[in-house]
């Protein structure tokens, strides 16, 4: 499960009035993502800029941002089996 305490989006001026809706949809998209496995605590995660166009829907923009977030997450490693020290 992915938990985000704070999400800061920097959007072009033409999209700023849509920021709240886009942020909400990013959360929805991440909640439905299966690309988040394993446990990690990150104090911050910087995602490279995502190219969007004002004609894209809020959902399309949010999907692009969510995919970029998932792609920026560190890859998870299999956990050790309890008591063995070996990867399961």
N, C-alpha and C. Protein backbone atom coordinates (compact mmCIF):
# COMPACT_ATOMS: atom_id res chain seq x y z
N UNK A 1 0.84 -1.17 0.00
CA UNK A 1 0.00 0.00 0.00
C UNK A 1 0.89 1.23 0.00
N UNK A 2 0.50 2.20 -0.75
CA UNK A 2 1.23 3.46 -0.85
C UNK A 2 0.50 4.51 -0.02
N UNK A 3 1.25 5.15 0.89
CA UNK A 3 0.68 6.23 1.69
C UNK A 3 1.49 7.49 1.42
N UNK A 4 0.79 8.55 1.12
CA UNK A 4 1.44 9.84 0.86
C UNK A 4 0.91 10.83 1.89
N UNK A 5 1.83 11.39 2.68
CA UNK A 5 1.42 12.38 3.68
C UNK A 5 1.17 13.74 3.06
N UNK A 6 1.97 14.10 2.08
CA UNK A 6 1.84 15.41 1.45
C UNK A 6 2.21 15.27 -0.02
N UNK A 7 1.38 15.82 -0.87
CA UNK A 7 1.62 15.82 -2.31
C UNK A 7 1.64 17.26 -2.79
N UNK A 8 2.75 17.65 -3.38
CA UNK A 8 2.87 19.00 -3.92
C UNK A 8 2.98 18.91 -5.44
N UNK A 9 2.05 19.55 -6.12
CA UNK A 9 2.07 19.58 -7.59
C UNK A 9 2.40 20.98 -8.05
N UNK A 10 3.26 21.06 -9.04
CA UNK A 10 3.54 22.33 -9.70
C UNK A 10 2.97 22.22 -11.09
N UNK A 11 1.90 22.94 -11.32
CA UNK A 11 1.21 22.87 -12.60
C UNK A 11 1.38 24.17 -13.38
N UNK A 12 1.30 24.08 -14.70
CA UNK A 12 1.34 25.30 -15.51
C UNK A 12 0.16 26.21 -15.13
N UNK A 13 0.34 27.48 -15.31
CA UNK A 13 -0.69 28.46 -14.95
C UNK A 13 -2.07 28.08 -15.51
N UNK A 14 -2.11 27.58 -16.72
CA UNK A 14 -3.39 27.24 -17.36
C UNK A 14 -4.11 26.09 -16.66
N UNK A 15 -3.41 25.33 -15.83
CA UNK A 15 -4.02 24.18 -15.16
C UNK A 15 -4.21 24.38 -13.65
N UNK A 16 -3.74 25.48 -13.11
CA UNK A 16 -3.74 25.66 -11.64
C UNK A 16 -5.14 25.62 -11.04
N UNK A 17 -6.14 26.10 -11.75
CA UNK A 17 -7.50 26.07 -11.21
C UNK A 17 -8.03 24.64 -11.13
N UNK A 18 -7.35 23.69 -11.75
CA UNK A 18 -7.76 22.28 -11.74
C UNK A 18 -6.93 21.44 -10.76
N UNK A 19 -6.04 22.07 -10.01
CA UNK A 19 -5.08 21.36 -9.16
C UNK A 19 -5.74 20.44 -8.13
N UNK A 20 -6.77 20.92 -7.43
CA UNK A 20 -7.40 20.09 -6.40
C UNK A 20 -7.99 18.81 -7.00
N UNK A 21 -8.67 18.94 -8.10
CA UNK A 21 -9.28 17.76 -8.76
C UNK A 21 -8.19 16.82 -9.26
N UNK A 22 -7.15 17.35 -9.87
CA UNK A 22 -6.06 16.51 -10.38
C UNK A 22 -5.38 15.79 -9.22
N UNK A 23 -5.10 16.47 -8.11
CA UNK A 23 -4.47 15.84 -6.95
C UNK A 23 -5.34 14.70 -6.41
N UNK A 24 -6.64 14.93 -6.34
CA UNK A 24 -7.56 13.88 -5.88
C UNK A 24 -7.50 12.66 -6.81
N UNK A 25 -7.49 12.92 -8.10
CA UNK A 25 -7.44 11.83 -9.07
C UNK A 25 -6.10 11.11 -9.07
N UNK A 26 -5.01 11.82 -8.76
CA UNK A 26 -3.71 11.16 -8.60
C UNK A 26 -3.81 10.14 -7.47
N UNK A 27 -4.41 10.54 -6.36
CA UNK A 27 -4.60 9.63 -5.23
C UNK A 27 -5.42 8.42 -5.61
N UNK A 28 -6.51 8.62 -6.33
CA UNK A 28 -7.33 7.50 -6.80
C UNK A 28 -6.54 6.57 -7.70
N UNK A 29 -5.78 7.15 -8.59
CA UNK A 29 -5.00 6.35 -9.53
C UNK A 29 -3.94 5.53 -8.80
N UNK A 30 -3.27 6.13 -7.83
CA UNK A 30 -2.26 5.41 -7.06
C UNK A 30 -2.89 4.32 -6.20
N UNK A 31 -4.09 4.56 -5.69
CA UNK A 31 -4.77 3.56 -4.87
C UNK A 31 -5.07 2.31 -5.69
N UNK A 32 -5.32 2.48 -6.97
CA UNK A 32 -5.62 1.35 -7.84
C UNK A 32 -4.41 0.76 -8.52
N UNK A 33 -3.23 1.29 -8.21
CA UNK A 33 -2.00 0.84 -8.86
C UNK A 33 -1.51 -0.46 -8.25
N UNK A 34 -1.06 -1.38 -9.10
CA UNK A 34 -0.47 -2.62 -8.60
C UNK A 34 1.05 -2.57 -8.67
N UNK A 35 1.60 -1.40 -8.96
CA UNK A 35 3.05 -1.26 -9.08
C UNK A 35 3.73 -0.89 -7.78
N UNK A 36 3.00 -0.96 -6.67
CA UNK A 36 3.57 -0.57 -5.38
C UNK A 36 3.59 -1.77 -4.45
N UNK A 37 4.69 -2.49 -4.43
CA UNK A 37 4.84 -3.63 -3.54
C UNK A 37 6.04 -3.41 -2.64
N UNK A 38 6.06 -4.10 -1.52
CA UNK A 38 7.18 -3.97 -0.59
C UNK A 38 6.97 -2.82 0.37
N UNK A 39 7.88 -2.70 1.31
CA UNK A 39 7.80 -1.67 2.33
C UNK A 39 8.98 -0.72 2.19
N UNK A 40 8.71 0.55 2.27
CA UNK A 40 9.76 1.56 2.25
C UNK A 40 9.19 2.83 2.86
N UNK A 41 10.04 3.55 3.55
CA UNK A 41 9.64 4.85 4.09
C UNK A 41 10.58 5.87 3.46
N UNK A 42 10.02 6.76 2.69
CA UNK A 42 10.82 7.77 1.99
C UNK A 42 10.46 9.14 2.54
N UNK A 43 11.44 9.91 2.98
CA UNK A 43 11.12 11.26 3.47
C UNK A 43 10.61 12.15 2.34
N UNK A 44 11.05 11.88 1.13
CA UNK A 44 10.55 12.63 -0.02
C UNK A 44 10.83 11.83 -1.28
N UNK A 45 10.13 12.17 -2.31
CA UNK A 45 10.32 11.54 -3.61
C UNK A 45 10.15 12.62 -4.66
N UNK A 46 11.18 12.85 -5.44
CA UNK A 46 11.11 13.84 -6.50
C UNK A 46 10.86 13.12 -7.81
N UNK A 47 9.87 13.59 -8.51
CA UNK A 47 9.47 12.99 -9.78
C UNK A 47 9.84 13.94 -10.91
N UNK A 48 10.40 13.41 -11.98
CA UNK A 48 10.74 14.31 -13.10
C UNK A 48 9.48 14.96 -13.68
N UNK A 49 9.64 16.10 -14.33
CA UNK A 49 8.48 16.77 -14.93
C UNK A 49 7.71 15.85 -15.86
N UNK A 50 6.41 16.00 -15.85
CA UNK A 50 5.52 15.23 -16.70
C UNK A 50 4.94 16.19 -17.73
N UNK A 51 5.03 15.83 -19.00
CA UNK A 51 4.47 16.68 -20.06
C UNK A 51 2.97 16.47 -20.14
N UNK A 52 2.23 17.56 -19.98
CA UNK A 52 0.77 17.51 -20.10
C UNK A 52 0.32 18.66 -20.98
N UNK A 53 -0.89 18.56 -21.45
CA UNK A 53 -1.47 19.59 -22.31
C UNK A 53 -2.79 20.03 -21.70
N UNK A 54 -3.10 21.31 -21.72
CA UNK A 54 -4.35 21.79 -21.12
C UNK A 54 -5.60 21.12 -21.68
N UNK A 55 -5.53 20.56 -22.87
CA UNK A 55 -6.70 19.90 -23.45
C UNK A 55 -6.91 18.49 -22.91
N UNK A 56 -5.90 17.96 -22.19
CA UNK A 56 -6.08 16.64 -21.58
C UNK A 56 -7.07 16.76 -20.43
N UNK A 57 -7.80 15.67 -20.19
CA UNK A 57 -8.73 15.66 -19.07
C UNK A 57 -7.96 15.60 -17.75
N UNK A 58 -8.62 15.97 -16.68
CA UNK A 58 -8.00 15.88 -15.36
C UNK A 58 -7.56 14.45 -15.08
N UNK A 59 -8.38 13.49 -15.45
CA UNK A 59 -8.06 12.07 -15.22
C UNK A 59 -6.82 11.65 -16.03
N UNK A 60 -6.71 12.11 -17.26
CA UNK A 60 -5.52 11.78 -18.07
C UNK A 60 -4.26 12.37 -17.46
N UNK A 61 -4.35 13.61 -17.03
CA UNK A 61 -3.19 14.26 -16.41
C UNK A 61 -2.81 13.54 -15.12
N UNK A 62 -3.80 13.22 -14.29
CA UNK A 62 -3.55 12.52 -13.04
C UNK A 62 -2.92 11.15 -13.30
N UNK A 63 -3.37 10.46 -14.32
CA UNK A 63 -2.79 9.15 -14.66
C UNK A 63 -1.32 9.27 -15.04
N UNK A 64 -0.99 10.30 -15.80
CA UNK A 64 0.41 10.53 -16.18
C UNK A 64 1.27 10.78 -14.94
N UNK A 65 0.75 11.60 -14.03
CA UNK A 65 1.50 11.92 -12.81
C UNK A 65 1.64 10.68 -11.95
N UNK A 66 0.57 9.91 -11.78
CA UNK A 66 0.63 8.70 -10.95
C UNK A 66 1.62 7.69 -11.52
N UNK A 67 1.62 7.50 -12.83
CA UNK A 67 2.59 6.56 -13.44
C UNK A 67 4.02 7.03 -13.21
N UNK A 68 4.23 8.33 -13.26
CA UNK A 68 5.55 8.88 -13.01
C UNK A 68 5.98 8.65 -11.56
N UNK A 69 5.05 8.79 -10.64
CA UNK A 69 5.35 8.54 -9.22
C UNK A 69 5.73 7.08 -9.01
N UNK A 70 4.93 6.17 -9.54
CA UNK A 70 5.22 4.73 -9.39
C UNK A 70 6.56 4.39 -10.02
N UNK A 71 6.85 4.96 -11.17
CA UNK A 71 8.13 4.67 -11.85
C UNK A 71 9.32 5.19 -11.03
N UNK A 72 9.12 6.23 -10.24
CA UNK A 72 10.21 6.82 -9.45
C UNK A 72 10.44 6.10 -8.13
N UNK A 73 9.51 5.24 -7.72
CA UNK A 73 9.67 4.51 -6.46
C UNK A 73 10.82 3.52 -6.58
N UNK A 74 11.57 3.34 -5.48
CA UNK A 74 12.63 2.33 -5.52
C UNK A 74 12.01 0.95 -5.71
N UNK A 75 12.70 0.09 -6.41
CA UNK A 75 12.18 -1.27 -6.62
C UNK A 75 12.25 -2.03 -5.32
N UNK A 76 11.28 -2.87 -5.09
CA UNK A 76 11.24 -3.62 -3.85
C UNK A 76 12.05 -4.91 -3.98
N UNK A 77 12.53 -5.38 -2.86
CA UNK A 77 13.26 -6.64 -2.81
C UNK A 77 12.41 -7.65 -2.07
N UNK A 78 12.53 -8.93 -2.42
CA UNK A 78 11.78 -9.94 -1.67
C UNK A 78 12.22 -9.93 -0.21
N UNK A 79 11.29 -10.17 0.67
CA UNK A 79 11.59 -10.22 2.10
C UNK A 79 12.25 -11.55 2.45
N UNK A 80 13.06 -11.54 3.51
CA UNK A 80 13.67 -12.77 4.00
C UNK A 80 12.58 -13.60 4.67
N UNK A 81 12.62 -14.91 4.47
CA UNK A 81 11.69 -15.79 5.16
C UNK A 81 12.00 -15.72 6.65
N UNK A 82 10.98 -15.67 7.50
CA UNK A 82 11.22 -15.52 8.94
C UNK A 82 12.18 -16.59 9.49
N UNK A 83 13.20 -16.13 10.19
CA UNK A 83 14.13 -17.04 10.86
C UNK A 83 15.16 -17.69 9.99
N UNK A 84 15.16 -17.42 8.68
CA UNK A 84 16.11 -18.10 7.80
C UNK A 84 17.19 -17.18 7.27
N UNK A 85 16.88 -15.90 7.17
CA UNK A 85 17.82 -14.98 6.58
C UNK A 85 17.92 -15.13 5.06
N UNK A 86 17.12 -16.03 4.49
CA UNK A 86 17.13 -16.26 3.04
C UNK A 86 15.95 -15.54 2.41
N UNK A 87 16.11 -15.17 1.17
CA UNK A 87 15.05 -14.52 0.44
C UNK A 87 13.93 -15.51 0.18
N UNK A 88 12.70 -15.08 0.33
CA UNK A 88 11.58 -15.97 0.04
C UNK A 88 11.04 -15.74 -1.34
